[in-house]
C-alpha atoms as a PDB file:
ATOM      1  CA  MET A   1      -0.963  10.606  17.982  1.00  0.00           C
ATOM      2  CA  THR A   2       1.014  12.330  15.238  1.00  0.00           C
ATOM      3  CA  PRO A   3      -0.346  12.427  11.684  1.00  0.00           C
ATOM      4  CA  GLU A   4       2.660  10.406  10.476  1.00  0.00           C
ATOM      5  CA  LEU A   5       1.992   7.628  12.971  1.00  0.00           C
ATOM      6  CA  THR A   6      -1.690   7.599  12.085  1.00  0.00           C
ATOM      7  CA  VAL A   7      -0.960   7.158   8.374  1.00  0.00           C
ATOM      8  CA  LEU A   8       1.703   4.521   9.093  1.00  0.00           C
ATOM      9  CA  LEU A   9      -0.685   2.491  11.251  1.00  0.00           C
ATOM     10  CA  VAL A  10      -3.519   2.691   8.730  1.00  0.00           C
ATOM     11  CA  ALA A  11      -1.199   1.805   5.818  1.00  0.00           C
ATOM     12  CA  GLY A  12       0.270  -1.080   7.792  1.00  0.00           C
ATOM     13  CA  ALA A  13      -3.148  -2.419   8.721  1.00  0.00           C
ATOM     14  CA  VAL A  14      -4.418  -2.167   5.134  1.00  0.00           C
ATOM     15  CA  THR A  15      -1.284  -3.848   3.762  1.00  0.00           C
ATOM     16  CA  ALA A  16      -1.396  -6.660   6.318  1.00  0.00           C
ATOM     17  CA  THR A  17      -5.097  -7.237   5.613  1.00  0.00           C
ATOM     18  CA  ALA A  18      -4.448  -7.379   1.882  1.00  0.00           C
ATOM     19  CA  TYR A  19      -1.499  -9.774   2.039  1.00  0.00           C
ATOM     20  CA  MET A  20      -2.778 -11.967   4.856  1.00  0.00           C
ATOM     21  CA  GLY A  21      -6.475 -12.025   3.961  1.00  0.00           C
ATOM     22  CA  LEU A  22      -7.411 -10.828   0.487  1.00  0.00           C
ATOM     23  CA  TYR A  23      -4.590 -11.915  -1.794  1.00  0.00           C
ATOM     24  CA  PRO A  24      -4.359 -15.530  -0.524  1.00  0.00           C
ATOM     25  CA  ARG A  25      -8.060 -15.980  -1.351  1.00  0.00           C
ATOM     26  CA  MET A  26      -7.571 -14.983  -4.984  1.00  0.00           C
ATOM     27  CA  ALA A  27      -8.208 -17.882  -7.337  1.00  0.00           C
ATOM     28  CA  ASN A  28      -5.707 -16.680  -9.928  1.00  0.00           C
ATOM     29  CA  LYS A  29      -2.537 -15.443  -8.218  1.00  0.00           C
ATOM     30  CA  THR A  30      -0.745 -13.727 -11.100  1.00  0.00           C
ATOM     31  CA  LEU A  31       1.259 -10.525 -11.110  1.00  0.00           C
ATOM     32  CA  VAL A  32      -1.420  -8.729 -13.121  1.00  0.00           C
ATOM     33  CA  SER A  33      -4.269  -9.795 -10.822  1.00  0.00           C
ATOM     34  CA  ILE A  34      -2.285  -8.811  -7.725  1.00  0.00           C
ATOM     35  CA  LEU A  35      -1.435  -5.415  -9.215  1.00  0.00           C
ATOM     36  CA  ARG A  36      -5.068  -4.751 -10.155  1.00  0.00           C
ATOM     37  CA  LEU A  37      -6.331  -5.490  -6.675  1.00  0.00           C
ATOM     38  CA  ASP A  38      -3.432  -3.576  -5.157  1.00  0.00           C
ATOM     39  CA  LEU A  39      -4.333  -0.515  -7.239  1.00  0.00           C
ATOM     40  CA  ALA A  40      -7.900  -0.659  -5.921  1.00  0.00           C
ATOM     41  CA  ILE A  41      -6.696  -1.068  -2.326  1.00  0.00           C
ATOM     42  CA  THR A  42      -4.214   1.801  -2.691  1.00  0.00           C
ATOM     43  CA  CYS A  43      -6.952   4.043  -4.112  1.00  0.00           C
ATOM     44  CA  ALA A  44      -9.183   3.199  -1.139  1.00  0.00           C
ATOM     45  CA  LEU A  45      -6.303   3.975   1.248  1.00  0.00           C
ATOM     46  CA  MET A  46      -5.637   7.295  -0.492  1.00  0.00           C
ATOM     47  CA  LEU A  47      -9.328   8.204  -0.260  1.00  0.00           C
ATOM     48  CA  ALA A  48      -9.404   7.367   3.446  1.00  0.00           C
ATOM     49  CA  VAL A  49      -6.273   9.348   4.264  1.00  0.00           C
ATOM     50  CA  GLY A  50      -7.343  12.161   1.953  1.00  0.00           C
ATOM     51  CA  ALA A  51     -10.702  12.398   3.711  1.00  0.00           C
ATOM     52  CA  VAL A  52      -8.828  13.303   6.881  1.00  0.00           C
ATOM     53  CA  TYR A  53      -5.901  15.384   5.621  1.00  0.00           C
ATOM     54  CA  TYR A  54      -6.949  16.918   2.274  1.00  0.00           C
ATOM     55  CA  GLY A  55      -7.003  20.687   2.571  1.00  0.00           C
ATOM     56  CA  SER A  56      -5.842  20.613   6.181  1.00  0.00           C
ATOM     57  CA  GLY A  57      -2.414  22.070   5.437  1.00  0.00           C
ATOM     58  CA  VAL A  58      -0.734  19.412   7.554  1.00  0.00           C
ATOM     59  CA  ARG A  59       2.792  18.664   6.341  1.00  0.00           C
ATOM     60  CA  PHE A  60       4.318  15.238   6.907  1.00  0.00           C
ATOM     61  CA  SER A  61       7.949  14.804   7.830  1.00  0.00           C
ATOM     62  CA  LEU A  62      10.212  12.401   5.952  1.00  0.00           C
ATOM     63  CA  VAL A  63      13.197  13.131   8.240  1.00  0.00           C
ATOM     64  CA  PHE A  64      15.031  15.625   5.987  1.00  0.00           C
ATOM     65  CA  PHE A  65      12.076  17.339   4.297  1.00  0.00           C
ATOM     66  CA  ASP A  66       8.336  17.829   4.549  1.00  0.00           C
ATOM     67  CA  VAL A  67       5.904  16.407   2.013  1.00  0.00           C
ATOM     68  CA  PRO A  68       2.133  16.592   1.463  1.00  0.00           C
ATOM     69  CA  TRP A  69      -0.148  13.874   2.820  1.00  0.00           C
ATOM     70  CA  TRP A  70      -0.496  12.051  -0.522  1.00  0.00           C
ATOM     71  CA  ALA A  71       3.270  11.757  -1.076  1.00  0.00           C
ATOM     72  CA  PHE A  72       3.844  10.555   2.486  1.00  0.00           C
ATOM     73  CA  THR A  73       1.088   7.971   2.126  1.00  0.00           C
ATOM     74  CA  LEU A  74       2.366   6.625  -1.199  1.00  0.00           C
ATOM     75  CA  ILE A  75       6.012   6.489  -0.092  1.00  0.00           C
ATOM     76  CA  CYS A  76       5.299   4.853   3.255  1.00  0.00           C
ATOM     77  CA  THR A  77       2.840   2.378   1.776  1.00  0.00           C
ATOM     78  CA  SER A  78       5.413   1.363  -0.837  1.00  0.00           C
ATOM     79  CA  VAL A  79       8.075   0.848   1.836  1.00  0.00           C
ATOM     80  CA  ILE A  80       5.688  -1.146   4.047  1.00  0.00           C
ATOM     81  CA  GLU A  81       4.365  -3.213   1.150  1.00  0.00           C
ATOM     82  CA  ALA A  82       7.682  -4.226  -0.455  1.00  0.00           C
ATOM     83  CA  PRO A  83       8.593  -7.003   2.017  1.00  0.00           C
ATOM     84  CA  PHE A  84       5.009  -8.291   2.062  1.00  0.00           C
ATOM     85  CA  PHE A  85       5.004  -8.452  -1.743  1.00  0.00           C
ATOM     86  CA  ALA A  86       8.333 -10.318  -1.845  1.00  0.00           C
ATOM     87  CA  TRP A  87       7.161 -12.793   0.790  1.00  0.00           C
ATOM     88  CA  PHE A  88       3.796 -13.341  -0.904  1.00  0.00           C
ATOM     89  CA  CYS A  89       5.319 -13.955  -4.332  1.00  0.00           C
ATOM     90  CA  LYS A  90       7.783 -16.448  -2.889  1.00  0.00           C
ATOM     91  CA  ARG A  91       5.174 -18.171  -0.717  1.00  0.00           C
ATOM     92  CA  TRP A  92       2.622 -18.579  -3.532  1.00  0.00           C
ATOM     93  CA  ASN A  93       5.164 -19.011  -6.347  1.00  0.00           C
ATOM     94  CA  VAL A  94       3.857 -15.996  -8.301  1.00  0.00           C
ATOM     95  CA  ASP A  95       5.469 -15.612 -11.717  1.00  0.00           C
ATOM     96  CA  LEU A  96       6.910 -12.089 -11.917  1.00  0.00           C
ATOM     97  CA  ASN A  97       7.444 -12.208 -15.663  1.00  0.00           C
ATOM     98  CA  PRO A  98       4.998 -10.208 -17.764  1.00  0.00           C
ATOM     99  CA  PRO A  99       2.253 -12.242 -19.421  1.00  0.00           C
ATOM    100  CA  PRO A 100       2.932 -13.307 -22.998  1.00  0.00           C
ATOM    101  CA  ASP A 101       1.304 -11.163 -25.686  1.00  0.00           C
END
């Protein structure tokens, strides 16, 4: 299995788990609470991928250029997560406006 496919599968599994299991169980489904939990989940994903690829010298291909593991992970996770985020916000009627000061 290629390193790119490995990271894509792990990122997809983490994203699906978050949006199908963790986020629906949140008592307060606001943009801020989703972003806080998402930051923690992304950090855990980066630690997991980094534990495998940090210092390995493996370059990841983004079709036209090669990037380090951390850039590939962040870019691919963002692309995978965008439709899940849109669906979740619509499904749970999450207000995307910033909280009032």
